[in-house]
Amino acid sequence: MNFYEQEMRRFFSECDTIGEQKYCGKTLLGKLDGDLRVKLQLVSTRVAEQYNAIRAEIINRTEGLVDSQTFTFEDILGENPCYQSNPMARDIHIWEYNRKADWYGYHPTLADRDAVSDTIGAYLSMYQSEDMSMTL
């Protein structure tokens, strides 16, 4: 399991909204209800190889993309608390350098991870049928 898979598991393994979770690299695939699937992916919105967001795509398995939304860590957690006049550290992000990935300057706490999972989980739950949200 690579660094990205570990981080996605740390964010979402306890998220009840996403059933049958499968992890591959920067991506988590899961089930929302009978026909709806979710794809969560670490993405870069500004600088290459600086992953500062999670893109959520809701996919109908027979009809394709239903909706997508990009959640930056800054939108959910605010500015990097370790930021001290270093423009590279302003955003909370995973940085990949020389084929090694790690958090740059700030490692999310358990409360930060819960905030990300809760925010994205609440968004996803709006697409579940009511009976599925009670059984997952």
N, C-alpha and C. Protein backbone atom coordinates (compact mmCIF):
# COMPACT_ATOMS: atom_id res chain seq x y z
N MET A 1 0.84 -1.17 0.00
CA MET A 1 0.00 0.00 0.00
C MET A 1 0.89 1.24 0.00
N ASN A 2 0.60 2.17 -0.91
CA ASN A 2 1.44 3.36 -1.00
C ASN A 2 0.94 4.47 -0.05
N PHE A 3 1.69 5.55 0.00
CA PHE A 3 1.38 6.66 0.90
C PHE A 3 -0.02 7.22 0.66
N TYR A 4 -0.39 7.39 -0.61
CA TYR A 4 -1.70 7.96 -0.94
C TYR A 4 -2.84 7.06 -0.46
N GLU A 5 -2.71 5.77 -0.67
CA GLU A 5 -3.74 4.83 -0.20
C GLU A 5 -3.87 4.90 1.32
N GLN A 6 -2.74 4.96 2.01
CA GLN A 6 -2.78 5.06 3.47
C GLN A 6 -3.52 6.31 3.91
N GLU A 7 -3.24 7.43 3.26
CA GLU A 7 -3.89 8.69 3.64
C GLU A 7 -5.40 8.65 3.35
N MET A 8 -5.77 8.12 2.19
CA MET A 8 -7.20 8.02 1.87
C MET A 8 -7.91 7.12 2.88
N ARG A 9 -7.28 6.03 3.30
CA ARG A 9 -7.86 5.16 4.32
C ARG A 9 -8.00 5.91 5.65
N ARG A 10 -6.99 6.71 6.00
CA ARG A 10 -7.06 7.47 7.25
C ARG A 10 -8.23 8.46 7.23
N PHE A 11 -8.51 9.02 6.07
CA PHE A 11 -9.64 9.94 5.96
C PHE A 11 -10.98 9.22 5.96
N PHE A 12 -11.12 8.12 5.23
CA PHE A 12 -12.45 7.61 4.91
C PHE A 12 -12.79 6.19 5.36
N SER A 13 -11.88 5.46 5.98
CA SER A 13 -12.19 4.08 6.33
C SER A 13 -13.37 3.97 7.30
N GLU A 14 -13.59 4.99 8.11
CA GLU A 14 -14.70 4.98 9.07
C GLU A 14 -15.94 5.70 8.55
N CYS A 15 -15.93 6.13 7.30
CA CYS A 15 -17.05 6.88 6.73
C CYS A 15 -18.18 5.92 6.35
N ASP A 16 -19.27 5.96 7.10
CA ASP A 16 -20.40 5.05 6.89
C ASP A 16 -21.16 5.33 5.59
N THR A 17 -20.99 6.49 5.02
CA THR A 17 -21.69 6.85 3.80
C THR A 17 -21.20 6.04 2.60
N ILE A 18 -19.93 5.63 2.63
CA ILE A 18 -19.32 4.94 1.50
C ILE A 18 -19.20 3.45 1.81
N GLY A 19 -19.95 2.65 1.07
CA GLY A 19 -19.89 1.20 1.25
C GLY A 19 -18.90 0.56 0.31
N GLU A 20 -18.48 -0.66 0.63
CA GLU A 20 -17.62 -1.47 -0.22
C GLU A 20 -16.42 -0.69 -0.77
N GLN A 21 -15.68 -0.07 0.11
CA GLN A 21 -14.57 0.79 -0.29
C GLN A 21 -13.41 0.00 -0.91
N LYS A 22 -12.89 0.55 -2.01
CA LYS A 22 -11.71 0.00 -2.68
C LYS A 22 -10.73 1.15 -2.90
N TYR A 23 -9.47 0.90 -2.58
CA TYR A 23 -8.44 1.93 -2.68
C TYR A 23 -7.42 1.56 -3.74
N CYS A 24 -7.02 2.53 -4.51
CA CYS A 24 -5.98 2.32 -5.52
C CYS A 24 -5.27 3.65 -5.75
N GLY A 25 -4.03 3.74 -5.29
CA GLY A 25 -3.27 4.97 -5.46
C GLY A 25 -3.95 6.15 -4.79
N LYS A 26 -4.16 7.20 -5.55
CA LYS A 26 -4.77 8.42 -5.02
C LYS A 26 -6.30 8.35 -5.02
N THR A 27 -6.87 7.18 -5.30
CA THR A 27 -8.31 7.06 -5.53
C THR A 27 -8.98 6.08 -4.57
N LEU A 28 -10.18 6.46 -4.14
CA LEU A 28 -11.07 5.59 -3.39
C LEU A 28 -12.34 5.44 -4.21
N LEU A 29 -12.75 4.21 -4.44
CA LEU A 29 -14.03 3.93 -5.09
C LEU A 29 -14.93 3.26 -4.08
N GLY A 30 -16.22 3.59 -4.12
CA GLY A 30 -17.15 2.99 -3.19
C GLY A 30 -18.57 3.06 -3.69
N LYS A 31 -19.46 2.49 -2.91
CA LYS A 31 -20.87 2.39 -3.27
C LYS A 31 -21.69 3.34 -2.40
N LEU A 32 -22.58 4.11 -3.05
CA LEU A 32 -23.51 4.96 -2.31
C LEU A 32 -24.87 4.29 -2.15
N ASP A 33 -25.36 3.70 -3.23
CA ASP A 33 -26.60 2.91 -3.18
C ASP A 33 -26.62 1.97 -4.37
N GLY A 34 -27.76 1.40 -4.70
CA GLY A 34 -27.85 0.39 -5.74
C GLY A 34 -27.17 0.75 -7.04
N ASP A 35 -27.40 1.94 -7.56
CA ASP A 35 -26.81 2.33 -8.84
C ASP A 35 -25.75 3.41 -8.74
N LEU A 36 -25.61 4.05 -7.60
CA LEU A 36 -24.67 5.16 -7.48
C LEU A 36 -23.36 4.72 -6.83
N ARG A 37 -22.28 5.15 -7.46
CA ARG A 37 -20.93 4.90 -6.95
C ARG A 37 -20.28 6.25 -6.68
N VAL A 38 -19.22 6.22 -5.90
CA VAL A 38 -18.46 7.43 -5.63
C VAL A 38 -17.00 7.18 -5.95
N LYS A 39 -16.37 8.18 -6.51
CA LYS A 39 -14.93 8.16 -6.76
C LYS A 39 -14.36 9.38 -6.06
N LEU A 40 -13.49 9.16 -5.08
CA LEU A 40 -12.79 10.23 -4.39
C LEU A 40 -11.33 10.15 -4.79
N GLN A 41 -10.77 11.30 -5.16
CA GLN A 41 -9.41 11.30 -5.66
C GLN A 41 -8.65 12.51 -5.14
N LEU A 42 -7.43 12.28 -4.63
CA LEU A 42 -6.55 13.39 -4.27
C LEU A 42 -6.13 14.08 -5.56
N VAL A 43 -6.30 15.41 -5.61
CA VAL A 43 -5.98 16.16 -6.81
C VAL A 43 -5.20 17.43 -6.46
N SER A 44 -4.54 17.95 -7.47
CA SER A 44 -3.82 19.21 -7.37
C SER A 44 -4.65 20.28 -8.07
N THR A 45 -4.90 21.39 -7.39
CA THR A 45 -5.68 22.46 -8.02
C THR A 45 -4.83 23.66 -8.42
N ARG A 46 -3.57 23.68 -7.99
CA ARG A 46 -2.72 24.84 -8.29
C ARG A 46 -1.37 24.46 -8.86
N VAL A 47 -0.62 23.66 -8.13
CA VAL A 47 0.76 23.36 -8.50
C VAL A 47 0.89 21.85 -8.69
N ALA A 48 1.53 21.45 -9.78
CA ALA A 48 1.73 20.03 -10.04
C ALA A 48 2.42 19.35 -8.87
N GLU A 49 1.97 18.16 -8.56
CA GLU A 49 2.52 17.32 -7.51
C GLU A 49 2.35 17.91 -6.11
N GLN A 50 1.41 18.84 -5.95
CA GLN A 50 1.01 19.34 -4.64
C GLN A 50 -0.49 19.08 -4.51
N TYR A 51 -0.83 18.01 -3.82
CA TYR A 51 -2.21 17.54 -3.75
C TYR A 51 -2.92 18.23 -2.58
N ASN A 52 -3.70 19.25 -2.92
CA ASN A 52 -4.33 20.10 -1.90
C ASN A 52 -5.85 19.93 -1.85
N ALA A 53 -6.38 18.91 -2.50
CA ALA A 53 -7.83 18.77 -2.56
C ALA A 53 -8.23 17.32 -2.79
N ILE A 54 -9.51 17.07 -2.54
CA ILE A 54 -10.13 15.78 -2.86
C ILE A 54 -11.30 16.07 -3.78
N ARG A 55 -11.28 15.46 -4.95
CA ARG A 55 -12.39 15.58 -5.89
C ARG A 55 -13.34 14.41 -5.68
N ALA A 56 -14.61 14.73 -5.52
CA ALA A 56 -15.65 13.71 -5.38
C ALA A 56 -16.47 13.66 -6.66
N GLU A 57 -16.60 12.47 -7.22
CA GLU A 57 -17.45 12.27 -8.38
C GLU A 57 -18.50 11.23 -8.03
N ILE A 58 -19.74 11.56 -8.29
CA ILE A 58 -20.83 10.63 -8.09
C ILE A 58 -21.21 10.10 -9.46
N ILE A 59 -21.20 8.78 -9.58
CA ILE A 59 -21.36 8.14 -10.88
C ILE A 59 -22.52 7.15 -10.82
N ASN A 60 -23.43 7.29 -11.76
CA ASN A 60 -24.47 6.28 -11.95
C ASN A 60 -23.83 5.19 -12.79
N ARG A 61 -23.87 3.96 -12.32
CA ARG A 61 -23.11 2.90 -12.99
C ARG A 61 -23.59 2.58 -14.39
N THR A 62 -24.80 3.00 -14.75
CA THR A 62 -25.29 2.74 -16.11
C THR A 62 -25.39 4.01 -16.95
N GLU A 63 -25.46 5.19 -16.31
CA GLU A 63 -25.66 6.42 -17.06
C GLU A 63 -24.49 7.41 -16.98
N GLY A 64 -23.49 7.14 -16.16
CA GLY A 64 -22.32 7.99 -16.11
C GLY A 64 -22.33 9.02 -14.99
N LEU A 65 -21.55 10.07 -15.19
CA LEU A 65 -21.34 11.09 -14.16
C LEU A 65 -22.63 11.82 -13.80
N VAL A 66 -22.90 11.90 -12.51
CA VAL A 66 -24.07 12.60 -11.98
C VAL A 66 -23.66 13.99 -11.49
N ASP A 67 -22.58 14.06 -10.72
CA ASP A 67 -22.12 15.32 -10.16
C ASP A 67 -20.66 15.17 -9.74
N SER A 68 -19.98 16.30 -9.65
CA SER A 68 -18.62 16.30 -9.10
C SER A 68 -18.41 17.59 -8.32
N GLN A 69 -17.54 17.49 -7.34
CA GLN A 69 -17.23 18.63 -6.49
C GLN A 69 -15.80 18.47 -6.01
N THR A 70 -15.06 19.56 -5.98
CA THR A 70 -13.69 19.53 -5.47
C THR A 70 -13.65 20.25 -4.13
N PHE A 71 -13.13 19.55 -3.13
CA PHE A 71 -13.02 20.08 -1.76
C PHE A 71 -11.54 20.31 -1.46
N THR A 72 -11.14 21.56 -1.32
CA THR A 72 -9.75 21.81 -0.93
C THR A 72 -9.62 21.66 0.58
N PHE A 73 -8.44 21.26 1.01
CA PHE A 73 -8.21 21.16 2.45
C PHE A 73 -8.37 22.53 3.10
N GLU A 74 -7.98 23.59 2.39
CA GLU A 74 -8.11 24.94 2.91
C GLU A 74 -9.58 25.31 3.15
N ASP A 75 -10.47 24.91 2.22
CA ASP A 75 -11.90 25.20 2.39
C ASP A 75 -12.45 24.56 3.66
N ILE A 76 -11.97 23.36 3.97
CA ILE A 76 -12.50 22.63 5.12
C ILE A 76 -11.74 22.96 6.40
N LEU A 77 -10.42 23.05 6.32
CA LEU A 77 -9.59 23.19 7.52
C LEU A 77 -9.02 24.58 7.74
N GLY A 78 -9.12 25.44 6.74
CA GLY A 78 -8.53 26.76 6.85
C GLY A 78 -7.09 26.76 6.38
N GLU A 79 -6.44 27.87 6.57
CA GLU A 79 -5.04 28.02 6.14
C GLU A 79 -4.13 27.16 6.99
N ASN A 80 -3.03 26.75 6.43
CA ASN A 80 -2.04 25.94 7.11
C ASN A 80 -1.56 26.65 8.37
N PRO A 81 -1.76 26.04 9.55
CA PRO A 81 -1.31 26.69 10.79
C PRO A 81 0.21 26.79 10.89
N CYS A 82 0.95 26.05 10.07
CA CYS A 82 2.42 26.12 10.09
C CYS A 82 2.95 27.18 9.13
N TYR A 83 2.05 27.86 8.44
CA TYR A 83 2.47 28.86 7.46
C TYR A 83 3.17 30.02 8.15
N GLN A 84 4.40 30.26 7.74
CA GLN A 84 5.15 31.41 8.26
C GLN A 84 5.96 32.01 7.12
N SER A 85 5.30 32.83 6.36
CA SER A 85 5.90 33.53 5.23
C SER A 85 6.57 32.61 4.20
N ASN A 86 6.14 31.37 4.13
CA ASN A 86 6.63 30.45 3.12
C ASN A 86 5.49 30.18 2.16
N PRO A 87 5.52 30.77 0.96
CA PRO A 87 4.40 30.59 0.03
C PRO A 87 4.17 29.13 -0.35
N MET A 88 5.18 28.29 -0.24
CA MET A 88 5.01 26.86 -0.55
C MET A 88 4.19 26.15 0.53
N ALA A 89 4.14 26.71 1.73
CA ALA A 89 3.44 26.06 2.84
C ALA A 89 2.07 26.67 3.13
N ARG A 90 1.64 27.64 2.33
CA ARG A 90 0.37 28.32 2.63
C ARG A 90 -0.81 27.35 2.62
N ASP A 91 -0.87 26.46 1.63
CA ASP A 91 -1.95 25.47 1.55
C ASP A 91 -1.54 24.20 2.28
N ILE A 92 -2.52 23.56 2.91
CA ILE A 92 -2.30 22.23 3.45
C ILE A 92 -2.31 21.29 2.24
N HIS A 93 -1.22 20.55 2.06
CA HIS A 93 -1.15 19.67 0.90
C HIS A 93 -0.12 18.56 1.08
N ILE A 94 -0.30 17.54 0.25
CA ILE A 94 0.68 16.48 0.13
C ILE A 94 1.62 16.89 -0.99
N TRP A 95 2.88 16.76 -0.74
CA TRP A 95 3.89 17.17 -1.71
C TRP A 95 4.65 15.94 -2.17
N GLU A 96 4.80 15.80 -3.46
CA GLU A 96 5.59 14.69 -3.99
C GLU A 96 6.88 15.25 -4.56
N TYR A 97 8.00 14.71 -4.07
CA TYR A 97 9.31 15.17 -4.51
C TYR A 97 10.23 13.96 -4.60
N ASN A 98 10.93 13.82 -5.72
CA ASN A 98 11.81 12.68 -5.94
C ASN A 98 11.11 11.35 -5.70
N ARG A 99 9.87 11.26 -6.19
CA ARG A 99 9.05 10.05 -6.11
C ARG A 99 8.68 9.67 -4.68
N LYS A 100 8.81 10.59 -3.74
CA LYS A 100 8.38 10.37 -2.36
C LYS A 100 7.29 11.38 -2.03
N ALA A 101 6.24 10.90 -1.38
CA ALA A 101 5.14 11.78 -1.01
C ALA A 101 5.04 11.89 0.51
N ASP A 102 4.67 13.09 0.96
CA ASP A 102 4.42 13.33 2.39
C ASP A 102 3.68 14.66 2.51
N TRP A 103 3.14 14.90 3.68
CA TRP A 103 2.50 16.19 3.94
C TRP A 103 3.59 17.25 4.03
N TYR A 104 3.30 18.42 3.50
CA TYR A 104 4.30 19.49 3.49
C TYR A 104 4.02 20.44 4.64
N GLY A 105 4.85 20.41 5.66
CA GLY A 105 4.79 21.38 6.75
C GLY A 105 3.75 21.11 7.81
N TYR A 106 2.67 20.47 7.47
CA TYR A 106 1.60 20.26 8.45
C TYR A 106 0.96 18.91 8.20
N HIS A 107 0.87 18.10 9.24
CA HIS A 107 0.21 16.80 9.14
C HIS A 107 -1.17 16.93 9.81
N PRO A 108 -2.23 16.60 9.07
CA PRO A 108 -3.58 16.71 9.65
C PRO A 108 -3.73 15.88 10.93
N THR A 109 -4.43 16.46 11.88
CA THR A 109 -4.72 15.77 13.13
C THR A 109 -5.91 14.85 12.92
N LEU A 110 -6.22 14.06 13.92
CA LEU A 110 -7.41 13.20 13.86
C LEU A 110 -8.67 14.06 13.69
N ALA A 111 -8.74 15.17 14.38
CA ALA A 111 -9.89 16.08 14.24
C ALA A 111 -9.97 16.65 12.82
N ASP A 112 -8.83 16.97 12.22
CA ASP A 112 -8.81 17.45 10.83
C ASP A 112 -9.33 16.38 9.89
N ARG A 113 -8.87 15.15 10.09
CA ARG A 113 -9.31 14.04 9.23
C ARG A 113 -10.81 13.82 9.36
N ASP A 114 -11.31 13.90 10.59
CA ASP A 114 -12.75 13.75 10.82
C ASP A 114 -13.52 14.87 10.12
N ALA A 115 -13.00 16.08 10.17
CA ALA A 115 -13.67 17.22 9.52
C ALA A 115 -13.76 17.01 8.01
N VAL A 116 -12.69 16.52 7.40
CA VAL A 116 -12.69 16.25 5.96
C VAL A 116 -13.69 15.15 5.64
N SER A 117 -13.62 14.06 6.38
CA SER A 117 -14.52 12.93 6.16
C SER A 117 -15.98 13.32 6.37
N ASP A 118 -16.25 14.07 7.43
CA ASP A 118 -17.63 14.49 7.72
C ASP A 118 -18.17 15.42 6.64
N THR A 119 -17.36 16.36 6.18
CA THR A 119 -17.79 17.31 5.15
C THR A 119 -18.11 16.60 3.85
N ILE A 120 -17.19 15.76 3.40
CA ILE A 120 -17.40 15.05 2.14
C ILE A 120 -18.50 14.00 2.30
N GLY A 121 -18.55 13.34 3.44
CA GLY A 121 -19.61 12.36 3.70
C GLY A 121 -21.00 12.99 3.69
N ALA A 122 -21.13 14.21 4.24
CA ALA A 122 -22.42 14.90 4.23
C ALA A 122 -22.85 15.23 2.81
N TYR A 123 -21.92 15.65 1.99
CA TYR A 123 -22.21 15.93 0.58
C TYR A 123 -22.68 14.65 -0.12
N LEU A 124 -21.95 13.57 0.07
CA LEU A 124 -22.30 12.31 -0.59
C LEU A 124 -23.64 11.77 -0.12
N SER A 125 -23.95 11.95 1.15
CA SER A 125 -25.19 11.40 1.70
C SER A 125 -26.43 11.99 1.04
N MET A 126 -26.30 13.18 0.47
CA MET A 126 -27.45 13.80 -0.19
C MET A 126 -27.85 13.04 -1.46
N TYR A 127 -26.98 12.20 -1.97
CA TYR A 127 -27.25 11.45 -3.19
C TYR A 127 -27.74 10.03 -2.90
N GLN A 128 -27.66 9.60 -1.66
CA GLN A 128 -28.12 8.26 -1.32
C GLN A 128 -29.63 8.22 -1.23
N SER A 129 -30.18 7.06 -1.59
CA SER A 129 -31.60 6.88 -1.32
C SER A 129 -31.75 6.77 0.20
N GLU A 130 -32.89 7.16 0.72
CA GLU A 130 -33.05 7.22 2.17
C GLU A 130 -32.87 5.86 2.83
N ASP A 131 -33.33 4.80 2.20
CA ASP A 131 -33.18 3.48 2.82
C ASP A 131 -31.72 3.02 2.85
N MET A 132 -30.89 3.42 1.87
CA MET A 132 -29.47 3.05 1.86
C MET A 132 -28.70 3.77 2.95
N SER A 133 -29.00 5.04 3.19
CA SER A 133 -28.25 5.78 4.19
C SER A 133 -28.47 5.20 5.58
N MET A 134 -29.57 4.51 5.78
CA MET A 134 -29.83 3.90 7.09
C MET A 134 -29.20 2.51 7.23
N THR A 135 -28.90 1.86 6.11
CA THR A 135 -28.37 0.50 6.19
C THR A 135 -26.88 0.40 6.05
N LEU A 136 -26.20 1.41 5.48
CA LEU A 136 -24.75 1.32 5.30
C LEU A 136 -24.00 1.49 6.57
